[in-house]
Amino acid sequence: MIDKELAYLKEQRRKHHGLDINEYNYEFDKSITRTIMTLQTIRDELIPKEKP
């Protein structure tokens, strides 16, 4: 589930980079990047890894 959210957020960030950058867009980009990093940390460190 987190992987789907990460993929969605990364796609939104990719689309956002195609827009003109102004102060609002810059703050949005920082916010979405911070959210992506937080979700990756949760996925990588807090959720037990599945054993093959």
PDB file of N, CA and C in Angstrom:
ATOM      1  N   MET A   1       0.822  -1.194   0.000  1.00  0.00           N
ATOM      2  CA  MET A   1       0.000   0.000   0.000  1.00  0.00           C
ATOM      3  C   MET A   1       0.865   1.256   0.000  1.00  0.00           C
ATOM      4  N   ILE A   2       1.903   1.256   0.803  1.00  0.00           N
ATOM      5  CA  ILE A   2       2.793   2.421   0.835  1.00  0.00           C
ATOM      6  C   ILE A   2       3.479   2.594  -0.519  1.00  0.00           C
ATOM      7  N   ASP A   3       3.830   1.479  -1.172  1.00  0.00           N
ATOM      8  CA  ASP A   3       4.472   1.580  -2.482  1.00  0.00           C
ATOM      9  C   ASP A   3       3.567   2.278  -3.495  1.00  0.00           C
ATOM     10  N   LYS A   4       2.263   2.014  -3.435  1.00  0.00           N
ATOM     11  CA  LYS A   4       1.321   2.677  -4.342  1.00  0.00           C
ATOM     12  C   LYS A   4       1.266   4.172  -4.047  1.00  0.00           C
ATOM     13  N   GLU A   5       1.243   4.525  -2.767  1.00  0.00           N
ATOM     14  CA  GLU A   5       1.224   5.943  -2.389  1.00  0.00           C
ATOM     15  C   GLU A   5       2.507   6.638  -2.835  1.00  0.00           C
ATOM     16  N   LEU A   6       3.644   5.968  -2.645  1.00  0.00           N
ATOM     17  CA  LEU A   6       4.917   6.549  -3.077  1.00  0.00           C
ATOM     18  C   LEU A   6       4.930   6.765  -4.586  1.00  0.00           C
ATOM     19  N   ALA A   7       4.461   5.787  -5.331  1.00  0.00           N
ATOM     20  CA  ALA A   7       4.427   5.919  -6.787  1.00  0.00           C
ATOM     21  C   ALA A   7       3.542   7.098  -7.194  1.00  0.00           C
ATOM     22  N   TYR A   8       2.390   7.229  -6.541  1.00  0.00           N
ATOM     23  CA  TYR A   8       1.482   8.339  -6.838  1.00  0.00           C
ATOM     24  C   TYR A   8       2.143   9.690  -6.530  1.00  0.00           C
ATOM     25  N   LEU A   9       2.744   9.803  -5.362  1.00  0.00           N
ATOM     26  CA  LEU A   9       3.372  11.068  -4.979  1.00  0.00           C
ATOM     27  C   LEU A   9       4.543  11.411  -5.894  1.00  0.00           C
ATOM     28  N   LYS A  10       5.324  10.411  -6.269  1.00  0.00           N
ATOM     29  CA  LYS A  10       6.449  10.659  -7.176  1.00  0.00           C
ATOM     30  C   LYS A  10       5.952  11.117  -8.544  1.00  0.00           C
ATOM     31  N   GLU A  11       4.846  10.544  -9.007  1.00  0.00           N
ATOM     32  CA  GLU A  11       4.261  10.970 -10.278  1.00  0.00           C
ATOM     33  C   GLU A  11       3.754  12.409 -10.171  1.00  0.00           C
ATOM     34  N   GLN A  12       3.122  12.756  -9.062  1.00  0.00           N
ATOM     35  CA  GLN A  12       2.655  14.130  -8.868  1.00  0.00           C
ATOM     36  C   GLN A  12       3.832  15.097  -8.838  1.00  0.00           C
ATOM     37  N   ARG A  13       4.923  14.707  -8.191  1.00  0.00           N
ATOM     38  CA  ARG A  13       6.112  15.564  -8.145  1.00  0.00           C
ATOM     39  C   ARG A  13       6.697  15.721  -9.546  1.00  0.00           C
ATOM     40  N   ARG A  14       6.719  14.612 -10.323  1.00  0.00           N
ATOM     41  CA  ARG A  14       7.247  14.675 -11.682  1.00  0.00           C
ATOM     42  C   ARG A  14       6.418  15.642 -12.530  1.00  0.00           C
ATOM     43  N   LYS A  15       5.094  15.550 -12.433  1.00  0.00           N
ATOM     44  CA  LYS A  15       4.216  16.458 -13.173  1.00  0.00           C
ATOM     45  C   LYS A  15       4.429  17.896 -12.713  1.00  0.00           C
ATOM     46  N   HIS A  16       4.612  18.070 -11.431  1.00  0.00           N
ATOM     47  CA  HIS A  16       4.798  19.400 -10.849  1.00  0.00           C
ATOM     48  C   HIS A  16       6.057  20.063 -11.388  1.00  0.00           C
ATOM     49  N   HIS A  17       7.098  19.272 -11.635  1.00  0.00           N
ATOM     50  CA  HIS A  17       8.347  19.838 -12.136  1.00  0.00           C
ATOM     51  C   HIS A  17       8.186  20.430 -13.533  1.00  0.00           C
ATOM     52  N   GLY A  18       7.150  20.033 -14.255  1.00  0.00           N
ATOM     53  CA  GLY A  18       6.892  20.594 -15.573  1.00  0.00           C
ATOM     54  C   GLY A  18       6.228  21.961 -15.527  1.00  0.00           C
ATOM     55  N   LEU A  19       5.774  22.371 -14.366  1.00  0.00           N
ATOM     56  CA  LEU A  19       5.094  23.660 -14.216  1.00  0.00           C
ATOM     57  C   LEU A  19       6.100  24.778 -13.989  1.00  0.00           C
ATOM     58  N   ASP A  20       5.641  26.005 -14.187  1.00  0.00           N
ATOM     59  CA  ASP A  20       6.481  27.151 -13.857  1.00  0.00           C
ATOM     60  C   ASP A  20       6.715  27.170 -12.352  1.00  0.00           C
ATOM     61  N   ILE A  21       7.939  27.435 -11.974  1.00  0.00           N
ATOM     62  CA  ILE A  21       8.277  27.445 -10.550  1.00  0.00           C
ATOM     63  C   ILE A  21       8.134  28.872 -10.015  1.00  0.00           C
ATOM     64  N   ASN A  22       7.344  28.995  -8.974  1.00  0.00           N
ATOM     65  CA  ASN A  22       7.284  30.238  -8.221  1.00  0.00           C
ATOM     66  C   ASN A  22       7.384  29.855  -6.748  1.00  0.00           C
ATOM     67  N   GLU A  23       7.224  30.800  -5.870  1.00  0.00           N
ATOM     68  CA  GLU A  23       7.414  30.514  -4.438  1.00  0.00           C
ATOM     69  C   GLU A  23       6.437  29.457  -3.941  1.00  0.00           C
ATOM     70  N   TYR A  24       5.188  29.513  -4.359  1.00  0.00           N
ATOM     71  CA  TYR A  24       4.201  28.527  -3.918  1.00  0.00           C
ATOM     72  C   TYR A  24       4.585  27.132  -4.406  1.00  0.00           C
ATOM     73  N   ASN A  25       4.951  27.023  -5.667  1.00  0.00           N
ATOM     74  CA  ASN A  25       5.329  25.724  -6.216  1.00  0.00           C
ATOM     75  C   ASN A  25       6.569  25.174  -5.528  1.00  0.00           C
ATOM     76  N   TYR A  26       7.499  26.047  -5.191  1.00  0.00           N
ATOM     77  CA  TYR A  26       8.710  25.616  -4.500  1.00  0.00           C
ATOM     78  C   TYR A  26       8.361  25.031  -3.133  1.00  0.00           C
ATOM     79  N   GLU A  27       7.481  25.694  -2.402  1.00  0.00           N
ATOM     80  CA  GLU A  27       7.061  25.185  -1.091  1.00  0.00           C
ATOM     81  C   GLU A  27       6.308  23.864  -1.236  1.00  0.00           C
ATOM     82  N   PHE A  28       5.467  23.753  -2.254  1.00  0.00           N
ATOM     83  CA  PHE A  28       4.749  22.503  -2.506  1.00  0.00           C
ATOM     84  C   PHE A  28       5.738  21.381  -2.796  1.00  0.00           C
ATOM     85  N   ASP A  29       6.736  21.660  -3.614  1.00  0.00           N
ATOM     86  CA  ASP A  29       7.736  20.653  -3.961  1.00  0.00           C
ATOM     87  C   ASP A  29       8.492  20.192  -2.724  1.00  0.00           C
ATOM     88  N   LYS A  30       8.868  21.130  -1.861  1.00  0.00           N
ATOM     89  CA  LYS A  30       9.552  20.748  -0.619  1.00  0.00           C
ATOM     90  C   LYS A  30       8.654  19.871   0.235  1.00  0.00           C
ATOM     91  N   SER A  31       7.378  20.210   0.299  1.00  0.00           N
ATOM     92  CA  SER A  31       6.428  19.458   1.112  1.00  0.00           C
ATOM     93  C   SER A  31       6.231  18.041   0.575  1.00  0.00           C
ATOM     94  N   ILE A  32       6.032  17.903  -0.723  1.00  0.00           N
ATOM     95  CA  ILE A  32       5.793  16.572  -1.289  1.00  0.00           C
ATOM     96  C   ILE A  32       7.056  15.716  -1.199  1.00  0.00           C
ATOM     97  N   THR A  33       8.222  16.336  -1.351  1.00  0.00           N
ATOM     98  CA  THR A  33       9.475  15.596  -1.214  1.00  0.00           C
ATOM     99  C   THR A  33       9.640  15.101   0.217  1.00  0.00           C
ATOM    100  N   ARG A  34       9.314  15.931   1.180  1.00  0.00           N
ATOM    101  CA  ARG A  34       9.393  15.536   2.592  1.00  0.00           C
ATOM    102  C   ARG A  34       8.435  14.378   2.882  1.00  0.00           C
ATOM    103  N   THR A  35       7.231  14.432   2.312  1.00  0.00           N
ATOM    104  CA  THR A  35       6.251  13.356   2.491  1.00  0.00           C
ATOM    105  C   THR A  35       6.761  12.053   1.889  1.00  0.00           C
ATOM    106  N   ILE A  36       7.340  12.127   0.700  1.00  0.00           N
ATOM    107  CA  ILE A  36       7.896  10.931   0.052  1.00  0.00           C
ATOM    108  C   ILE A  36       9.001  10.331   0.910  1.00  0.00           C
ATOM    109  N   MET A  37       9.881  11.165   1.422  1.00  0.00           N
ATOM    110  CA  MET A  37      10.980  10.667   2.253  1.00  0.00           C
ATOM    111  C   MET A  37      10.451  10.010   3.527  1.00  0.00           C
ATOM    112  N   THR A  38       9.420  10.593   4.128  1.00  0.00           N
ATOM    113  CA  THR A  38       8.829  10.020   5.339  1.00  0.00           C
ATOM    114  C   THR A  38       8.216   8.659   5.053  1.00  0.00           C
ATOM    115  N   LEU A  39       7.462   8.545   3.963  1.00  0.00           N
ATOM    116  CA  LEU A  39       6.855   7.262   3.610  1.00  0.00           C
ATOM    117  C   LEU A  39       7.911   6.207   3.299  1.00  0.00           C
ATOM    118  N   GLN A  40       8.990   6.610   2.638  1.00  0.00           N
ATOM    119  CA  GLN A  40      10.059   5.658   2.348  1.00  0.00           C
ATOM    120  C   GLN A  40      10.709   5.168   3.638  1.00  0.00           C
ATOM    121  N   THR A  41      10.885   6.058   4.602  1.00  0.00           N
ATOM    122  CA  THR A  41      11.449   5.666   5.891  1.00  0.00           C
ATOM    123  C   THR A  41      10.532   4.684   6.596  1.00  0.00           C
ATOM    124  N   ILE A  42       9.241   4.973   6.599  1.00  0.00           N
ATOM    125  CA  ILE A  42       8.279   4.056   7.222  1.00  0.00           C
ATOM    126  C   ILE A  42       8.356   2.698   6.549  1.00  0.00           C
ATOM    127  N   ARG A  43       8.348   2.699   5.233  1.00  0.00           N
ATOM    128  CA  ARG A  43       8.387   1.441   4.489  1.00  0.00           C
ATOM    129  C   ARG A  43       9.681   0.672   4.767  1.00  0.00           C
ATOM    130  N   ASP A  44      10.801   1.368   4.761  1.00  0.00           N
ATOM    131  CA  ASP A  44      12.093   0.694   4.853  1.00  0.00           C
ATOM    132  C   ASP A  44      12.487   0.302   6.269  1.00  0.00           C
ATOM    133  N   GLU A  45      12.065   1.063   7.264  1.00  0.00           N
ATOM    134  CA  GLU A  45      12.559   0.826   8.615  1.00  0.00           C
ATOM    135  C   GLU A  45      11.514   0.316   9.595  1.00  0.00           C
ATOM    136  N   LEU A  46      10.275   0.693   9.422  1.00  0.00           N
ATOM    137  CA  LEU A  46       9.278   0.351  10.423  1.00  0.00           C
ATOM    138  C   LEU A  46       8.412  -0.846  10.052  1.00  0.00           C
ATOM    139  N   ILE A  47       8.276  -1.115   8.767  1.00  0.00           N
ATOM    140  CA  ILE A  47       7.461  -2.250   8.339  1.00  0.00           C
ATOM    141  C   ILE A  47       8.382  -3.449   8.155  1.00  0.00           C
ATOM    142  N   PRO A  48       8.068  -4.560   8.815  1.00  0.00           N
ATOM    143  CA  PRO A  48       8.935  -5.738   8.693  1.00  0.00           C
ATOM    144  C   PRO A  48       9.045  -6.195   7.238  1.00  0.00           C
ATOM    145  N   LYS A  49      10.249  -6.591   6.884  1.00  0.00           N
ATOM    146  CA  LYS A  49      10.493  -7.076   5.532  1.00  0.00           C
ATOM    147  C   LYS A  49       9.882  -8.460   5.367  1.00  0.00           C
ATOM    148  N   GLU A  50       9.321  -8.704   4.186  1.00  0.00           N
ATOM    149  CA  GLU A  50       8.798 -10.036   3.896  1.00  0.00           C
ATOM    150  C   GLU A  50       9.968 -10.951   3.578  1.00  0.00           C
ATOM    151  N   LYS A  51       9.919 -12.137   4.127  1.00  0.00           N
ATOM    152  CA  LYS A  51      10.983 -13.094   3.856  1.00  0.00           C
ATOM    153  C   LYS A  51      10.587 -13.937   2.652  1.00  0.00           C
ATOM    154  N   PRO A  52      11.536 -14.147   1.727  1.00  0.00           N
ATOM    155  CA  PRO A  52      11.217 -14.916   0.513  1.00  0.00           C
ATOM    156  C   PRO A  52      10.913 -16.365   0.802  1.00  0.00           C
TER     157      PRO A  52
END
